[in-house]
C-alpha atoms as a PDB file:
ATOM      1  CA  MET A   1      29.353 -78.074  -0.166  1.00  0.00           C
ATOM      2  CA  THR A   2      32.163 -77.236   2.203  1.00  0.00           C
ATOM      3  CA  ASP A   3      31.497 -75.486   5.490  1.00  0.00           C
ATOM      4  CA  LEU A   4      33.174 -72.322   4.071  1.00  0.00           C
ATOM      5  CA  GLU A   5      30.810 -72.361   1.120  1.00  0.00           C
ATOM      6  CA  GLN A   6      27.816 -72.837   3.321  1.00  0.00           C
ATOM      7  CA  ALA A   7      28.881 -69.877   5.615  1.00  0.00           C
ATOM      8  CA  ALA A   8      29.426 -67.689   2.479  1.00  0.00           C
ATOM      9  CA  GLU A   9      25.959 -68.671   1.143  1.00  0.00           C
ATOM     10  CA  ALA A  10      24.284 -67.933   4.544  1.00  0.00           C
ATOM     11  CA  ALA A  11      26.122 -64.576   4.719  1.00  0.00           C
ATOM     12  CA  ALA A  12      25.028 -63.568   1.069  1.00  0.00           C
ATOM     13  CA  PRO A  13      22.122 -61.175   0.619  1.00  0.00           C
ATOM     14  CA  PRO A  14      18.943 -62.978  -0.025  1.00  0.00           C
ATOM     15  CA  ARG A  15      18.162 -63.909  -3.715  1.00  0.00           C
ATOM     16  CA  PRO A  16      15.291 -61.589  -4.838  1.00  0.00           C
ATOM     17  CA  GLN A  17      11.977 -63.403  -4.772  1.00  0.00           C
ATOM     18  CA  GLU A  18       8.891 -62.281  -6.394  1.00  0.00           C
ATOM     19  CA  TRP A  19       6.044 -61.163  -4.122  1.00  0.00           C
ATOM     20  CA  ALA A  20       3.115 -58.932  -4.091  1.00  0.00           C
ATOM     21  CA  TRP A  21       1.175 -56.804  -1.537  1.00  0.00           C
ATOM     22  CA  ALA A  22      -2.381 -55.755  -1.138  1.00  0.00           C
ATOM     23  CA  THR A  23      -4.850 -54.420   1.457  1.00  0.00           C
ATOM     24  CA  VAL A  24      -8.206 -56.074   1.903  1.00  0.00           C
ATOM     25  CA  GLY A  25     -11.178 -54.465   3.726  1.00  0.00           C
ATOM     26  CA  ALA A  26     -12.630 -56.474   6.551  1.00  0.00           C
ATOM     27  CA  SER A  27     -15.230 -56.065   9.247  1.00  0.00           C
ATOM     28  CA  ILE A  28     -12.294 -56.025  11.791  1.00  0.00           C
ATOM     29  CA  GLY A  29     -10.339 -53.426   9.942  1.00  0.00           C
ATOM     30  CA  PRO A  30      -8.046 -53.510   6.930  1.00  0.00           C
ATOM     31  CA  LEU A  31      -5.845 -56.615   6.422  1.00  0.00           C
ATOM     32  CA  GLY A  32      -2.468 -56.417   4.711  1.00  0.00           C
ATOM     33  CA  ILE A  33      -1.734 -59.491   2.673  1.00  0.00           C
ATOM     34  CA  ALA A  34       1.426 -60.601   0.806  1.00  0.00           C
ATOM     35  CA  ALA A  35       1.854 -63.537  -1.555  1.00  0.00           C
ATOM     36  CA  THR A  36       4.570 -65.289  -3.520  1.00  0.00           C
ATOM     37  CA  PRO A  37       4.094 -67.573  -6.541  1.00  0.00           C
ATOM     38  CA  ARG A  38       4.080 -70.456  -3.985  1.00  0.00           C
ATOM     39  CA  GLY A  39       1.132 -69.145  -1.925  1.00  0.00           C
ATOM     40  CA  LEU A  40      -0.119 -66.649   0.626  1.00  0.00           C
ATOM     41  CA  LEU A  41       2.888 -65.409   2.702  1.00  0.00           C
ATOM     42  CA  GLN A  42       1.669 -62.977   5.298  1.00  0.00           C
ATOM     43  CA  VAL A  43      -1.486 -61.448   6.744  1.00  0.00           C
ATOM     44  CA  ILE A  44      -1.354 -58.456   9.055  1.00  0.00           C
ATOM     45  CA  PHE A  45      -4.146 -56.930  11.085  1.00  0.00           C
ATOM     46  CA  ARG A  46      -4.820 -53.131  11.366  1.00  0.00           C
ATOM     47  CA  ALA A  47      -3.104 -52.461   7.986  1.00  0.00           C
ATOM     48  CA  GLY A  48      -2.999 -48.679   8.256  1.00  0.00           C
ATOM     49  CA  ALA A  49      -0.352 -46.654   6.494  1.00  0.00           C
ATOM     50  CA  GLU A  50       2.299 -47.059   9.259  1.00  0.00           C
ATOM     51  CA  GLU A  51       1.744 -50.851   9.718  1.00  0.00           C
ATOM     52  CA  THR A  52       1.735 -51.385   6.005  1.00  0.00           C
ATOM     53  CA  GLU A  53       5.000 -49.361   5.643  1.00  0.00           C
ATOM     54  CA  ALA A  54       6.613 -51.499   8.356  1.00  0.00           C
ATOM     55  CA  ALA A  55       5.448 -54.791   7.045  1.00  0.00           C
ATOM     56  CA  VAL A  56       6.478 -54.065   3.396  1.00  0.00           C
ATOM     57  CA  ALA A  57       9.828 -52.917   4.620  1.00  0.00           C
ATOM     58  CA  GLY A  58      10.399 -56.093   6.547  1.00  0.00           C
ATOM     59  CA  LEU A  59       9.273 -58.330   3.645  1.00  0.00           C
ATOM     60  CA  THR A  60      11.465 -56.310   1.247  1.00  0.00           C
ATOM     61  CA  ARG A  61      14.516 -57.050   3.384  1.00  0.00           C
ATOM     62  CA  ARG A  62      13.628 -60.653   3.741  1.00  0.00           C
ATOM     63  CA  MET A  63      12.721 -61.192   0.171  1.00  0.00           C
ATOM     64  CA  GLY A  64      15.539 -59.158  -1.317  1.00  0.00           C
ATOM     65  CA  THR A  65      13.259 -56.930  -3.350  1.00  0.00           C
ATOM     66  CA  GLY A  66      10.214 -54.882  -3.062  1.00  0.00           C
ATOM     67  CA  PRO A  67       6.716 -55.978  -4.029  1.00  0.00           C
ATOM     68  CA  VAL A  68       5.761 -56.516  -7.720  1.00  0.00           C
ATOM     69  CA  THR A  69       3.045 -54.060  -8.745  1.00  0.00           C
ATOM     70  CA  GLY A  70       2.138 -55.379 -12.231  1.00  0.00           C
ATOM     71  CA  PRO A  71       0.736 -58.686 -13.363  1.00  0.00           C
ATOM     72  CA  CYS A  72       2.611 -61.742 -11.939  1.00  0.00           C
ATOM     73  CA  ALA A  73       2.034 -65.176 -10.473  1.00  0.00           C
ATOM     74  CA  ALA A  74       2.165 -63.663  -6.991  1.00  0.00           C
ATOM     75  CA  ARG A  75      -0.446 -61.065  -7.855  1.00  0.00           C
ATOM     76  CA  GLU A  76      -2.714 -63.902  -9.099  1.00  0.00           C
ATOM     77  CA  LEU A  77      -2.470 -65.730  -5.806  1.00  0.00           C
ATOM     78  CA  LEU A  78      -2.940 -62.408  -3.957  1.00  0.00           C
ATOM     79  CA  ASP A  79      -6.177 -61.752  -5.874  1.00  0.00           C
ATOM     80  CA  ARG A  80      -7.377 -65.245  -4.959  1.00  0.00           C
ATOM     81  CA  ALA A  81      -6.523 -64.781  -1.244  1.00  0.00           C
ATOM     82  CA  SER A  82      -8.248 -61.407  -1.299  1.00  0.00           C
ATOM     83  CA  ALA A  83     -11.470 -62.846  -2.705  1.00  0.00           C
ATOM     84  CA  GLU A  84     -11.407 -65.671  -0.148  1.00  0.00           C
ATOM     85  CA  LEU A  85     -10.915 -63.363   2.671  1.00  0.00           C
ATOM     86  CA  THR A  86     -13.664 -61.002   1.512  1.00  0.00           C
ATOM     87  CA  ALA A  87     -15.995 -63.971   1.336  1.00  0.00           C
ATOM     88  CA  TYR A  88     -15.032 -65.216   4.761  1.00  0.00           C
ATOM     89  CA  PHE A  89     -15.698 -61.898   6.322  1.00  0.00           C
ATOM     90  CA  ALA A  90     -19.104 -61.712   4.424  1.00  0.00           C
ATOM     91  CA  GLY A  91     -20.029 -65.075   6.030  1.00  0.00           C
ATOM     92  CA  ARG A  92     -19.934 -66.930   2.585  1.00  0.00           C
ATOM     93  CA  ARG A  93     -16.740 -68.994   3.180  1.00  0.00           C
ATOM     94  CA  GLU A  94     -15.727 -71.239   6.040  1.00  0.00           C
ATOM     95  CA  ALA A  95     -12.410 -72.734   4.609  1.00  0.00           C
ATOM     96  CA  PHE A  96      -9.574 -71.315   2.627  1.00  0.00           C
ATOM     97  CA  SER A  97      -8.237 -72.983  -0.464  1.00  0.00           C
ATOM     98  CA  VAL A  98      -5.556 -70.547  -1.384  1.00  0.00           C
ATOM     99  CA  PRO A  99      -2.091 -72.254  -1.271  1.00  0.00           C
ATOM    100  CA  LEU A 100       0.164 -71.120   1.695  1.00  0.00           C
ATOM    101  CA  ASP A 101       3.836 -70.151   1.524  1.00  0.00           C
ATOM    102  CA  TRP A 102       5.178 -71.415   4.974  1.00  0.00           C
ATOM    103  CA  SER A 103       8.621 -69.862   4.479  1.00  0.00           C
ATOM    104  CA  LEU A 104       8.153 -67.220   7.277  1.00  0.00           C
ATOM    105  CA  THR A 105       7.938 -69.985   9.918  1.00  0.00           C
ATOM    106  CA  SER A 106       9.939 -73.161  10.685  1.00  0.00           C
ATOM    107  CA  GLY A 107      10.466 -75.917  13.199  1.00  0.00           C
ATOM    108  CA  PHE A 108       8.009 -76.547  15.993  1.00  0.00           C
ATOM    109  CA  ASN A 109       5.974 -73.370  15.191  1.00  0.00           C
ATOM    110  CA  ARG A 110       5.534 -74.622  11.599  1.00  0.00           C
ATOM    111  CA  ARG A 111       4.361 -77.986  12.811  1.00  0.00           C
ATOM    112  CA  VAL A 112       1.956 -76.566  15.119  1.00  0.00           C
ATOM    113  CA  LEU A 113       0.555 -74.049  12.565  1.00  0.00           C
ATOM    114  CA  ARG A 114       0.118 -76.819   9.931  1.00  0.00           C
ATOM    115  CA  GLU A 115      -1.758 -78.964  12.395  1.00  0.00           C
ATOM    116  CA  LEU A 116      -4.013 -75.952  13.285  1.00  0.00           C
ATOM    117  CA  ALA A 117      -4.706 -75.191   9.621  1.00  0.00           C
ATOM    118  CA  ALA A 118      -5.523 -78.754   8.849  1.00  0.00           C
ATOM    119  CA  GLY A 119      -7.217 -79.978  12.023  1.00  0.00           C
ATOM    120  CA  VAL A 120      -9.271 -77.163  13.585  1.00  0.00           C
ATOM    121  CA  PRO A 121     -12.280 -76.252  11.227  1.00  0.00           C
ATOM    122  CA  TYR A 122     -14.421 -73.244  11.092  1.00  0.00           C
ATOM    123  CA  GLY A 123     -16.768 -72.868  14.135  1.00  0.00           C
ATOM    124  CA  SER A 124     -14.548 -75.007  16.435  1.00  0.00           C
ATOM    125  CA  VAL A 125     -11.865 -74.356  19.002  1.00  0.00           C
ATOM    126  CA  VAL A 126      -8.928 -76.153  20.459  1.00  0.00           C
ATOM    127  CA  SER A 127      -6.902 -75.672  23.624  1.00  0.00           C
ATOM    128  CA  TYR A 128      -3.226 -74.769  23.544  1.00  0.00           C
ATOM    129  CA  GLN A 129      -2.430 -78.092  25.335  1.00  0.00           C
ATOM    130  CA  ASP A 130      -4.606 -80.147  23.031  1.00  0.00           C
ATOM    131  CA  LEU A 131      -2.753 -78.598  20.094  1.00  0.00           C
ATOM    132  CA  ALA A 132       0.571 -79.409  21.731  1.00  0.00           C
ATOM    133  CA  ASP A 133      -0.635 -83.019  22.276  1.00  0.00           C
ATOM    134  CA  ARG A 134      -1.703 -83.288  18.558  1.00  0.00           C
ATOM    135  CA  VAL A 135       1.988 -82.529  17.414  1.00  0.00           C
ATOM    136  CA  GLY A 136       3.390 -84.959  19.971  1.00  0.00           C
ATOM    137  CA  GLU A 137       4.643 -82.438  22.478  1.00  0.00           C
ATOM    138  CA  ARG A 138       2.862 -83.073  25.790  1.00  0.00           C
ATOM    139  CA  GLY A 139       3.301 -80.218  28.135  1.00  0.00           C
ATOM    140  CA  ALA A 140       4.078 -77.670  25.464  1.00  0.00           C
ATOM    141  CA  ALA A 141       1.015 -75.477  25.838  1.00  0.00           C
ATOM    142  CA  ARG A 142       3.138 -72.359  26.336  1.00  0.00           C
ATOM    143  CA  ALA A 143       5.278 -73.148  23.267  1.00  0.00           C
ATOM    144  CA  VAL A 144       2.009 -73.451  21.297  1.00  0.00           C
ATOM    145  CA  GLY A 145       1.102 -69.884  22.596  1.00  0.00           C
ATOM    146  CA  VAL A 146       4.433 -68.649  21.271  1.00  0.00           C
ATOM    147  CA  ALA A 147       3.754 -70.360  17.902  1.00  0.00           C
ATOM    148  CA  MET A 148       0.368 -68.621  17.736  1.00  0.00           C
ATOM    149  CA  GLY A 149       1.962 -65.264  18.473  1.00  0.00           C
ATOM    150  CA  SER A 150       4.380 -65.775  15.629  1.00  0.00           C
ATOM    151  CA  ASN A 151       1.721 -66.982  13.059  1.00  0.00           C
ATOM    152  CA  PRO A 152       2.463 -65.034   9.796  1.00  0.00           C
ATOM    153  CA  LEU A 153      -1.014 -66.126   8.390  1.00  0.00           C
ATOM    154  CA  PRO A 154      -3.672 -65.178  10.944  1.00  0.00           C
ATOM    155  CA  VAL A 155      -7.299 -65.815   9.903  1.00  0.00           C
ATOM    156  CA  VAL A 156      -6.228 -68.243   7.239  1.00  0.00           C
ATOM    157  CA  VAL A 157      -4.219 -70.268   9.748  1.00  0.00           C
ATOM    158  CA  PRO A 158      -6.791 -69.767  12.358  1.00  0.00           C
ATOM    159  CA  CYS A 159      -4.879 -68.959  15.652  1.00  0.00           C
ATOM    160  CA  HIS A 160      -8.027 -67.227  16.850  1.00  0.00           C
ATOM    161  CA  ARG A 161      -9.466 -70.726  17.388  1.00  0.00           C
ATOM    162  CA  VAL A 162      -6.862 -71.591  20.026  1.00  0.00           C
ATOM    163  CA  ILE A 163      -8.105 -71.090  23.685  1.00  0.00           C
ATOM    164  CA  GLU A 164      -7.240 -71.979  27.179  1.00  0.00           C
ATOM    165  CA  SER A 165      -8.018 -75.352  28.567  1.00  0.00           C
ATOM    166  CA  ASN A 166     -10.525 -73.736  31.058  1.00  0.00           C
ATOM    167  CA  GLY A 167     -12.357 -72.103  28.187  1.00  0.00           C
ATOM    168  CA  GLY A 168     -10.770 -68.694  28.635  1.00  0.00           C
ATOM    169  CA  LEU A 169      -9.814 -66.865  25.400  1.00  0.00           C
ATOM    170  CA  GLY A 170      -6.171 -66.806  26.173  1.00  0.00           C
ATOM    171  CA  GLY A 171      -4.140 -64.165  24.349  1.00  0.00           C
ATOM    172  CA  PHE A 172      -4.081 -62.688  20.928  1.00  0.00           C
ATOM    173  CA  GLY A 173      -1.250 -60.479  19.642  1.00  0.00           C
ATOM    174  CA  SER A 174      -3.557 -58.173  17.724  1.00  0.00           C
ATOM    175  CA  GLY A 175      -6.004 -57.749  20.631  1.00  0.00           C
ATOM    176  CA  LEU A 176      -8.676 -59.862  22.149  1.00  0.00           C
ATOM    177  CA  GLU A 177     -11.388 -57.690  20.535  1.00  0.00           C
ATOM    178  CA  ILE A 178     -10.252 -59.055  17.189  1.00  0.00           C
ATOM    179  CA  LYS A 179     -10.247 -62.641  18.543  1.00  0.00           C
ATOM    180  CA  ARG A 180     -13.724 -62.151  19.922  1.00  0.00           C
ATOM    181  CA  ALA A 181     -14.871 -60.723  16.599  1.00  0.00           C
ATOM    182  CA  LEU A 182     -13.461 -63.671  14.600  1.00  0.00           C
ATOM    183  CA  LEU A 183     -15.028 -66.294  17.092  1.00  0.00           C
ATOM    184  CA  SER A 184     -18.304 -64.468  16.940  1.00  0.00           C
ATOM    185  CA  LEU A 185     -18.308 -64.394  13.065  1.00  0.00           C
ATOM    186  CA  GLU A 186     -17.755 -68.243  13.232  1.00  0.00           C
ATOM    187  CA  GLY A 187     -20.494 -68.758  15.747  1.00  0.00           C
ATOM    188  CA  VAL A 188     -18.384 -69.774  18.581  1.00  0.00           C
ATOM    189  CA  LEU A 189     -19.160 -66.727  20.697  1.00  0.00           C
ATOM    190  CA  PRO A 190     -22.227 -64.609  20.732  1.00  0.00           C
ATOM    191  CA  GLU A 191     -22.172 -61.286  18.873  1.00  0.00           C
ATOM    192  CA  PRO A 192     -21.109 -58.447  21.292  1.00  0.00           C
ATOM    193  CA  LEU A 193     -23.929 -56.274  22.416  1.00  0.00           C
ATOM    194  CA  PHE A 194     -21.877 -53.094  21.988  1.00  0.00           C
END
């Protein structure tokens, strides 16, 4: 392919890709979830009407079409992800088996998120620096923090399990109360008194 052909392809609107959307009730509030036939694509916290509208609009632009509402392969994966998330929040599931669609992340962020998903099990935590070391990027703790903040698959790719080297919680884009609740659910932190 010539440079001109590559530039034309990059400038072309995205090819429509099948995807589906649903909302799942959880102890931390509603989650919005999206899936393609390849796997779970996105999880958002606090999926009220406004947040859902914004997320669906963003995915519609990115995917080249709106969500499918009828039966389809994406819907089947979405149903599976919904069931696994429901079981997780009920304390009946510690690991997710639904396939993941990694297309909303790339490069260093994808490497870090894949390592997190594969190497930090339920009930454990890892420091930002340790995660950087695991992917061969010594001194990249802050970059790991950026990767956690851009995680399109929170809970399933457990960015809530990443903490500061000194044991502090660190940050969490959706609020530290959600991070605390997830770590409490997994037995890492005690349940809040209030």
